Amino acid sequence: MKRFLAITLLTCSLAACGRCGATAPGNLGRAKATLDSIYKWYGVDGSFLLRENHPFDADYKAGYLAEGQAAPNPYSYLWPFSGTLSAATAILGTDPSYRSVIDGRILPGLARYLDTTRMPVAYAAYVDAGSDRFYDDNLWLGIDFCDIYEATGDRKYLAEAERIWEFIGSGMDDVLGGGIYWCEQHKDSKNPCSNAPAAVYALKLYAATGERHYLEQGKALYAWTKRYLSDPGDGLYYDNMALDGTLVKTKYSCNSGQMVQAGALLHKATGDESYLKDAQRTAAASYGCFFTGFTPEDGTPFRILGKGDVWFSAVMTRGFIELYRIDGNAEYLEAVQRSLDHAWVHARDGKGLFGADLTGRVKDSRKWLLTQAGMAEMYARMANLNLK
């Protein structure tokens, strides 16, 4: 018999925190409040763009680019900015009025990253073109546009998703037997962050269009990622493979989470039980690896999302939700919800911003935009669940 998720939102116990008010908000209210805090504290006057950190640090240099960042910049790079689109898209799943936020605020800012000087057209890592273009950055956007189309039925969003896919296709070749590179300008590795979400993306395009070539691409990308980047011991996924075949064996929750989501979507599209078994195995290993035992002040222990990149946890949660919709196993999502409930009180400051440690025991003096976007997305996705 399936286990169905029973989420109990904290009320009186959380309301004891002064900033929570008389009653703690539900997941949707928390998602909206967090997005509001983003615009209050990261917004740039006279612009639809955002800062990368709060407080703003003129000397901050992003360390996650292909060759690092040569000089500080006043605006967020595309990756953190795109997290706000994912968050608003997740909110849109429950509140259709959030289309006005997407169309009126986020997409005008996103347009500043669009590079039309190089073909195929794609979004660059920084505003006003000229910077590197990352396949994974564009994948996250394409997935969001598919989801916006699903929520609204407006084909302009689907058209944008299909246009972005043209750029993704330009990153595929037969080196290492297939797969997609990470960065257009530095084709020195193939990563699960540019292949697992590509499988998810292709399967969403298949669901939206019914065009079988998207299903075949989703299958191929899934098979390639599993063959070359999975740890056969536990079913989790390594960080990347260099062109000489060397594996970087670091494991991140987003990579495994996207393979969980891709496996669930492939099972839905094909009925093949092997995809479901893959997803269940990787989800169980993810729960064991990316959550940690925690005992809060009230003395009741539970497993909490581990300290690290909060947005990675949000992407992993997408996989848990997709799998839950098939097998009804609520264990992982119950732990996500418990983590979010605890973080609302203990990891959130007076400005409504979150640190990377959801236990709240380690405080961050500087808070990253993408952390806030990841929290907003998780709250929104948990609100979207059709619970029984």
Protein backbone atom coordinates (compact mmCIF):
# COMPACT_ATOMS: atom_id res chain seq x y z
CA MET A 1 0.00 0.00 0.00
CA LYS A 2 1.31 3.43 -0.89
CA ARG A 3 2.39 5.80 1.83
CA PHE A 4 0.91 9.23 1.29
CA LEU A 5 2.57 12.36 2.50
CA ALA A 6 1.01 13.96 5.56
CA ILE A 7 2.63 17.33 6.04
CA THR A 8 1.84 19.14 9.25
CA LEU A 9 2.72 22.80 9.15
CA LEU A 10 3.97 24.21 12.40
CA THR A 11 1.61 26.68 14.04
CA CYS A 12 1.81 27.59 17.69
CA SER A 13 5.34 26.30 18.21
CA LEU A 14 6.72 28.31 15.31
CA ALA A 15 4.54 31.31 16.12
CA ALA A 16 6.54 31.76 19.31
CA CYS A 17 9.18 33.37 17.09
CA GLY A 18 8.39 37.08 17.02
CA ARG A 19 9.09 37.58 13.33
CA CYS A 20 6.61 34.82 12.41
CA GLY A 21 3.58 36.72 13.64
CA ALA A 22 0.55 35.21 15.36
CA THR A 23 0.40 32.25 13.01
CA ALA A 24 3.20 30.73 10.97
CA PRO A 25 2.45 30.92 7.21
CA GLY A 26 2.00 27.81 5.11
CA ASN A 27 4.41 26.74 2.40
CA LEU A 28 2.94 29.02 -0.26
CA GLY A 29 3.06 32.03 2.05
CA ARG A 30 6.66 31.24 2.92
CA ALA A 31 7.59 30.98 -0.76
CA LYS A 32 6.03 34.36 -1.56
CA ALA A 33 7.57 36.02 1.49
CA THR A 34 11.02 34.75 0.52
CA LEU A 35 10.68 36.00 -3.04
CA ASP A 36 9.52 39.36 -1.68
CA SER A 37 12.64 39.48 0.51
CA ILE A 38 14.77 38.80 -2.55
CA TYR A 39 13.36 41.81 -4.36
CA LYS A 40 13.69 43.99 -1.29
CA TRP A 41 17.30 43.17 -0.46
CA TYR A 42 18.85 42.15 -3.80
CA GLY A 43 17.02 44.49 -6.15
CA VAL A 44 18.89 47.17 -8.11
CA ASP A 45 17.11 50.52 -8.31
CA GLY A 46 15.95 51.36 -11.82
CA SER A 47 16.64 47.85 -13.10
CA PHE A 48 15.08 44.40 -13.30
CA LEU A 49 18.45 42.92 -12.37
CA LEU A 50 19.59 41.67 -8.96
CA ARG A 51 22.70 41.69 -6.83
CA GLU A 52 24.44 38.38 -6.25
CA ASN A 53 24.82 38.75 -2.49
CA HIS A 54 23.46 40.62 0.51
CA PRO A 55 25.07 42.71 1.81
CA PHE A 56 26.42 43.74 -1.59
CA ASP A 57 30.16 43.17 -1.76
CA ALA A 58 31.96 45.11 -4.49
CA ASP A 59 34.97 42.79 -4.18
CA TYR A 60 33.03 39.51 -4.46
CA LYS A 61 34.21 37.21 -7.24
CA ALA A 62 32.18 34.22 -8.38
CA GLY A 63 34.16 31.00 -8.10
CA TYR A 64 31.81 28.72 -10.03
CA LEU A 65 32.63 29.81 -13.60
CA ALA A 66 34.78 27.84 -16.05
CA GLU A 67 37.86 30.02 -15.47
CA GLY A 68 36.70 31.99 -12.44
CA GLN A 69 35.77 35.65 -12.49
CA ALA A 70 38.41 38.18 -13.49
CA ALA A 71 36.76 41.16 -11.84
CA PRO A 72 33.80 41.86 -9.58
CA ASN A 73 30.52 42.83 -11.21
CA PRO A 74 27.56 44.83 -9.92
CA TYR A 75 24.91 42.31 -10.98
CA SER A 76 24.23 38.66 -10.38
CA TYR A 77 25.47 36.10 -12.83
CA LEU A 78 22.81 34.22 -14.78
CA TRP A 79 22.78 31.10 -12.62
CA PRO A 80 21.67 32.80 -9.38
CA PHE A 81 19.30 35.10 -11.29
CA SER A 82 17.69 32.12 -13.01
CA GLY A 83 16.85 30.68 -9.60
CA THR A 84 14.24 33.41 -9.17
CA LEU A 85 12.52 32.23 -12.35
CA SER A 86 12.45 28.67 -10.99
CA ALA A 87 11.00 29.92 -7.70
CA ALA A 88 8.31 32.05 -9.33
CA THR A 89 7.47 29.22 -11.74
CA ALA A 90 6.97 26.88 -8.79
CA ILE A 91 4.70 29.46 -7.14
CA LEU A 92 2.79 29.79 -10.42
CA GLY A 93 1.82 26.13 -10.07
CA THR A 94 -0.43 27.09 -7.15
CA ASP A 95 -1.09 30.80 -7.74
CA PRO A 96 -1.75 31.75 -11.40
CA SER A 97 -1.42 35.46 -10.53
CA TYR A 98 2.34 34.98 -10.33
CA ARG A 99 2.46 35.05 -14.11
CA SER A 100 2.55 38.84 -13.71
CA VAL A 101 5.75 38.54 -11.67
CA ILE A 102 7.33 36.31 -14.30
CA ASP A 103 6.30 38.45 -17.27
CA GLY A 104 6.60 41.83 -15.60
CA ARG A 105 9.75 41.48 -13.53
CA ILE A 106 11.79 38.34 -14.15
CA LEU A 107 11.72 37.97 -17.94
CA PRO A 108 12.69 41.62 -18.58
CA GLY A 109 15.74 41.04 -16.37
CA LEU A 110 16.49 37.72 -18.04
CA ALA A 111 16.46 39.42 -21.44
CA ARG A 112 19.62 41.31 -20.43
CA TYR A 113 21.50 37.99 -20.47
CA LEU A 114 20.32 36.95 -23.93
CA ASP A 115 23.21 36.81 -26.40
CA THR A 116 22.05 37.12 -30.01
CA THR A 117 25.54 37.74 -31.42
CA ARG A 118 26.54 34.05 -31.42
CA MET A 119 24.55 31.26 -33.02
CA PRO A 120 22.55 29.44 -31.82
CA VAL A 121 21.09 32.22 -29.68
CA ALA A 122 21.50 31.49 -25.96
CA TYR A 123 21.72 33.12 -22.55
CA ALA A 124 25.21 34.21 -21.50
CA ALA A 125 26.64 33.93 -18.01
CA TYR A 126 26.57 37.71 -17.54
CA VAL A 127 24.55 40.64 -18.85
CA ASP A 128 24.91 42.25 -22.25
CA ALA A 129 26.61 39.29 -24.00
CA GLY A 130 30.31 38.59 -24.46
CA SER A 131 30.73 36.21 -21.52
CA ASP A 132 30.87 32.42 -21.56
CA ARG A 133 27.68 30.50 -22.26
CA PHE A 134 26.95 27.46 -20.13
CA TYR A 135 24.76 24.62 -21.27
CA ASP A 136 23.50 23.94 -17.77
CA ASP A 137 22.49 27.59 -17.23
CA ASN A 138 20.34 27.37 -20.34
CA LEU A 139 18.96 23.95 -19.38
CA TRP A 140 17.49 25.25 -16.13
CA LEU A 141 15.81 28.05 -18.07
CA GLY A 142 14.44 25.66 -20.68
CA ILE A 143 12.94 23.44 -17.99
CA ASP A 144 11.30 26.50 -16.42
CA PHE A 145 9.79 27.59 -19.73
CA CYS A 146 8.36 24.08 -20.17
CA ASP A 147 6.81 24.31 -16.72
CA ILE A 148 5.40 27.79 -17.39
CA TYR A 149 3.85 26.47 -20.59
CA GLU A 150 2.34 23.55 -18.68
CA ALA A 151 0.84 25.96 -16.14
CA THR A 152 -0.50 28.52 -18.62
CA GLY A 153 -0.97 26.81 -21.97
CA ASP A 154 0.58 29.86 -23.66
CA ARG A 155 2.68 28.65 -26.57
CA LYS A 156 5.09 31.58 -26.42
CA TYR A 157 6.75 29.88 -23.47
CA LEU A 158 6.96 26.57 -25.31
CA ALA A 159 8.49 28.36 -28.29
CA GLU A 160 11.21 29.76 -26.03
CA ALA A 161 11.82 26.30 -24.56
CA GLU A 162 12.23 24.83 -28.04
CA ARG A 163 14.54 27.65 -29.09
CA ILE A 164 16.80 27.08 -26.10
CA TRP A 165 16.93 23.37 -26.98
CA GLU A 166 18.65 24.32 -30.26
CA PHE A 167 21.56 25.69 -28.22
CA ILE A 168 21.62 22.57 -26.06
CA GLY A 169 21.86 20.42 -29.19
CA SER A 170 24.93 22.36 -30.30
CA GLY A 171 26.72 21.07 -27.19
CA MET A 172 26.36 17.40 -28.13
CA ASP A 173 28.95 15.34 -29.98
CA ASP A 174 30.42 11.82 -30.06
CA VAL A 175 33.42 12.53 -27.82
CA LEU A 176 33.27 10.12 -24.85
CA GLY A 177 30.47 8.32 -26.63
CA GLY A 178 28.00 11.20 -26.51
CA GLY A 179 26.72 13.61 -23.93
CA ILE A 180 26.70 17.40 -23.57
CA TYR A 181 29.56 19.66 -22.55
CA TRP A 182 29.34 21.99 -19.56
CA CYS A 183 30.55 25.23 -21.16
CA GLU A 184 30.45 26.28 -24.81
CA GLN A 185 33.82 28.09 -24.64
CA HIS A 186 35.64 25.46 -22.55
CA LYS A 187 34.77 22.04 -23.90
CA ASP A 188 36.96 20.08 -21.54
CA SER A 189 34.42 18.03 -19.56
CA LYS A 190 30.97 16.49 -19.70
CA ASN A 191 28.99 16.77 -16.50
CA PRO A 192 25.78 15.38 -15.04
CA CYS A 193 24.63 18.98 -14.49
CA SER A 194 24.55 19.37 -18.27
CA ASN A 195 23.20 15.91 -19.07
CA ALA A 196 20.75 14.83 -16.35
CA PRO A 197 18.69 18.05 -16.63
CA ALA A 198 18.94 17.74 -20.42
CA ALA A 199 17.18 14.38 -20.12
CA VAL A 200 14.52 15.98 -17.90
CA TYR A 201 14.19 18.88 -20.35
CA ALA A 202 13.82 16.59 -23.38
CA LEU A 203 11.15 14.56 -21.61
CA LYS A 204 9.24 17.71 -20.68
CA LEU A 205 9.40 18.82 -24.33
CA TYR A 206 8.10 15.40 -25.33
CA ALA A 207 5.19 15.72 -22.90
CA ALA A 208 4.43 19.21 -24.24
CA THR A 209 4.72 18.46 -27.96
CA GLY A 210 4.27 14.70 -28.41
CA GLU A 211 7.27 14.75 -30.75
CA ARG A 212 9.01 11.41 -30.40
CA HIS A 213 12.50 12.68 -31.15
CA TYR A 214 12.46 14.42 -27.76
CA LEU A 215 11.69 11.10 -26.06
CA GLU A 216 14.55 9.42 -27.91
CA GLN A 217 16.94 12.20 -26.91
CA GLY A 218 15.80 11.91 -23.31
CA LYS A 219 16.45 8.18 -23.34
CA ALA A 220 19.89 8.62 -24.91
CA LEU A 221 21.00 11.33 -22.49
CA TYR A 222 19.78 9.32 -19.52
CA ALA A 223 21.60 6.20 -20.74
CA TRP A 224 24.82 8.12 -21.37
CA THR A 225 24.79 9.78 -17.95
CA LYS A 226 24.10 6.50 -16.19
CA ARG A 227 26.83 4.65 -18.10
CA TYR A 228 29.61 7.20 -17.71
CA LEU A 229 28.88 9.18 -14.56
CA SER A 230 27.11 6.89 -12.09
CA ASP A 231 28.75 5.26 -9.09
CA PRO A 232 27.79 1.61 -9.52
CA GLY A 233 28.17 1.10 -5.78
CA ASP A 234 25.35 3.37 -4.64
CA GLY A 235 23.63 4.79 -7.73
CA LEU A 236 24.69 8.38 -7.03
CA TYR A 237 26.39 10.54 -9.68
CA TYR A 238 29.92 11.89 -9.98
CA ASP A 239 30.64 15.53 -10.82
CA ASN A 240 32.17 15.21 -14.30
CA MET A 241 34.33 13.32 -16.74
CA ALA A 242 37.27 15.01 -18.45
CA LEU A 243 37.90 14.33 -22.11
CA ASP A 244 40.70 11.92 -21.20
CA GLY A 245 38.18 9.83 -19.28
CA THR A 246 39.24 11.00 -15.81
CA LEU A 247 36.36 11.15 -13.36
CA VAL A 248 35.93 13.84 -10.73
CA LYS A 249 34.10 11.78 -8.11
CA THR A 250 32.60 14.55 -5.98
CA LYS A 251 28.87 13.99 -5.58
CA TYR A 252 26.28 16.77 -5.53
CA SER A 253 22.62 16.38 -4.64
CA CYS A 254 21.36 18.22 -7.73
CA ASN A 255 22.99 15.74 -10.13
CA SER A 256 21.52 12.67 -8.49
CA GLY A 257 18.19 14.45 -8.00
CA GLN A 258 17.91 15.19 -11.70
CA MET A 259 18.53 11.55 -12.54
CA VAL A 260 15.76 10.62 -10.11
CA GLN A 261 13.44 13.02 -11.91
CA ALA A 262 14.55 11.81 -15.34
CA GLY A 263 14.03 8.18 -14.34
CA ALA A 264 10.56 8.92 -13.02
CA LEU A 265 9.63 10.84 -16.19
CA LEU A 266 10.97 8.02 -18.39
CA HIS A 267 8.91 5.50 -16.44
CA LYS A 268 5.86 7.70 -16.93
CA ALA A 269 6.54 8.03 -20.67
CA THR A 270 7.43 4.39 -21.39
CA GLY A 271 6.10 2.22 -18.56
CA ASP A 272 9.55 0.62 -18.27
CA GLU A 273 9.97 -0.52 -14.65
CA SER A 274 13.79 -0.37 -14.86
CA TYR A 275 13.65 3.43 -14.90
CA LEU A 276 11.50 3.45 -11.78
CA LYS A 277 13.88 1.08 -9.99
CA ASP A 278 16.83 3.30 -10.94
CA ALA A 279 15.03 6.36 -9.58
CA GLN A 280 14.12 4.62 -6.33
CA ARG A 281 17.67 3.40 -5.78
CA THR A 282 19.22 6.82 -6.42
CA ALA A 283 16.59 8.55 -4.27
CA ALA A 284 17.30 6.23 -1.35
CA ALA A 285 21.04 6.82 -1.69
CA SER A 286 20.47 10.57 -1.91
CA TYR A 287 18.49 10.48 1.31
CA GLY A 288 21.35 8.64 2.98
CA CYS A 289 24.05 10.95 1.60
CA PHE A 290 22.59 14.45 1.46
CA PHE A 291 20.62 14.51 4.71
CA THR A 292 22.18 14.33 8.14
CA GLY A 293 20.99 13.35 11.57
CA PHE A 294 20.02 16.34 13.68
CA THR A 295 18.65 16.85 17.17
CA PRO A 296 16.99 20.26 17.67
CA GLU A 297 16.50 22.02 20.96
CA ASP A 298 13.25 20.16 21.66
CA GLY A 299 15.22 16.92 21.63
CA THR A 300 13.27 15.13 18.85
CA PRO A 301 15.84 13.98 16.27
CA PHE A 302 15.18 13.96 12.53
CA ARG A 303 17.12 13.95 9.28
CA ILE A 304 17.72 17.45 7.95
CA LEU A 305 19.01 18.63 4.58
CA GLY A 306 22.78 18.80 4.94
CA LYS A 307 24.72 22.05 4.93
CA GLY A 308 25.82 23.03 1.46
CA ASP A 309 24.31 24.59 -1.64
CA VAL A 310 20.63 25.02 -0.77
CA TRP A 311 19.63 25.33 -4.42
CA PHE A 312 21.14 21.88 -5.08
CA SER A 313 18.72 20.59 -2.43
CA ALA A 314 15.85 22.31 -4.26
CA VAL A 315 16.77 20.50 -7.47
CA MET A 316 17.01 17.20 -5.58
CA THR A 317 13.53 17.89 -4.19
CA ARG A 318 12.20 18.09 -7.75
CA GLY A 319 13.28 14.48 -8.19
CA PHE A 320 11.72 13.35 -4.92
CA ILE A 321 8.41 14.95 -5.90
CA GLU A 322 8.39 13.35 -9.36
CA LEU A 323 9.08 9.97 -7.80
CA TYR A 324 6.48 10.44 -5.06
CA ARG A 325 3.83 11.04 -7.69
CA ILE A 326 4.50 7.51 -8.94
CA ASP A 327 5.24 5.38 -5.89
CA GLY A 328 3.70 7.42 -3.05
CA ASN A 329 6.74 6.97 -0.80
CA ALA A 330 6.68 10.08 1.37
CA GLU A 331 9.77 9.47 3.50
CA TYR A 332 12.12 11.82 1.66
CA LEU A 333 9.58 14.63 1.29
CA GLU A 334 8.65 14.41 4.95
CA ALA A 335 12.31 15.06 5.73
CA VAL A 336 12.38 17.98 3.29
CA GLN A 337 9.30 19.48 4.94
CA ARG A 338 10.73 19.04 8.41
CA SER A 339 13.92 20.76 7.22
CA LEU A 340 11.94 23.66 5.79
CA ASP A 341 9.83 24.01 8.93
CA HIS A 342 12.93 24.15 11.11
CA ALA A 343 14.76 26.56 8.77
CA TRP A 344 11.87 29.03 8.77
CA VAL A 345 12.47 29.71 12.45
CA HIS A 346 16.16 28.91 12.97
CA ALA A 347 18.00 29.65 9.69
CA ARG A 348 16.15 32.82 8.65
CA ASP A 349 17.19 36.27 9.78
CA GLY A 350 15.18 39.39 10.54
CA LYS A 351 15.27 40.39 6.86
CA GLY A 352 13.68 37.12 5.83
CA LEU A 353 16.93 35.77 4.35
CA PHE A 354 18.32 32.27 4.86
CA GLY A 355 21.78 30.96 5.60
CA ALA A 356 23.19 27.84 3.97
CA ASP A 357 23.03 25.84 7.21
CA LEU A 358 19.36 24.96 7.69
CA THR A 359 19.94 23.94 11.29
CA GLY A 360 20.61 27.63 11.97
CA ARG A 361 23.65 26.83 14.08
CA VAL A 362 26.12 28.30 11.59
CA LYS A 363 25.31 31.90 10.61
CA ASP A 364 26.35 33.46 7.31
CA SER A 365 27.49 37.08 7.28
CA ARG A 366 26.85 37.20 3.52
CA LYS A 367 23.79 35.56 1.99
CA TRP A 368 23.80 34.33 -1.60
CA LEU A 369 20.92 35.09 -3.94
CA LEU A 370 20.67 31.49 -5.11
CA THR A 371 20.23 30.25 -1.54
CA GLN A 372 17.14 32.45 -1.20
CA ALA A 373 15.79 31.32 -4.56
CA GLY A 374 16.29 27.68 -3.63
CA MET A 375 14.38 28.12 -0.38
CA ALA A 376 11.52 29.91 -2.15
CA GLU A 377 11.38 27.12 -4.73
CA MET A 378 11.27 24.35 -2.13
CA TYR A 379 8.48 26.01 -0.17
CA ALA A 380 6.51 26.52 -3.39
CA ARG A 381 7.01 22.97 -4.63
CA MET A 382 5.89 21.52 -1.33
CA ALA A 383 2.79 23.73 -1.52
CA ASN A 384 2.05 22.35 -4.99
CA LEU A 385 1.84 18.72 -3.88
CA ASN A 386 -1.56 17.08 -4.30
CA LEU A 387 -1.65 15.43 -0.89
CA LYS A 388 -3.97 12.69 0.25
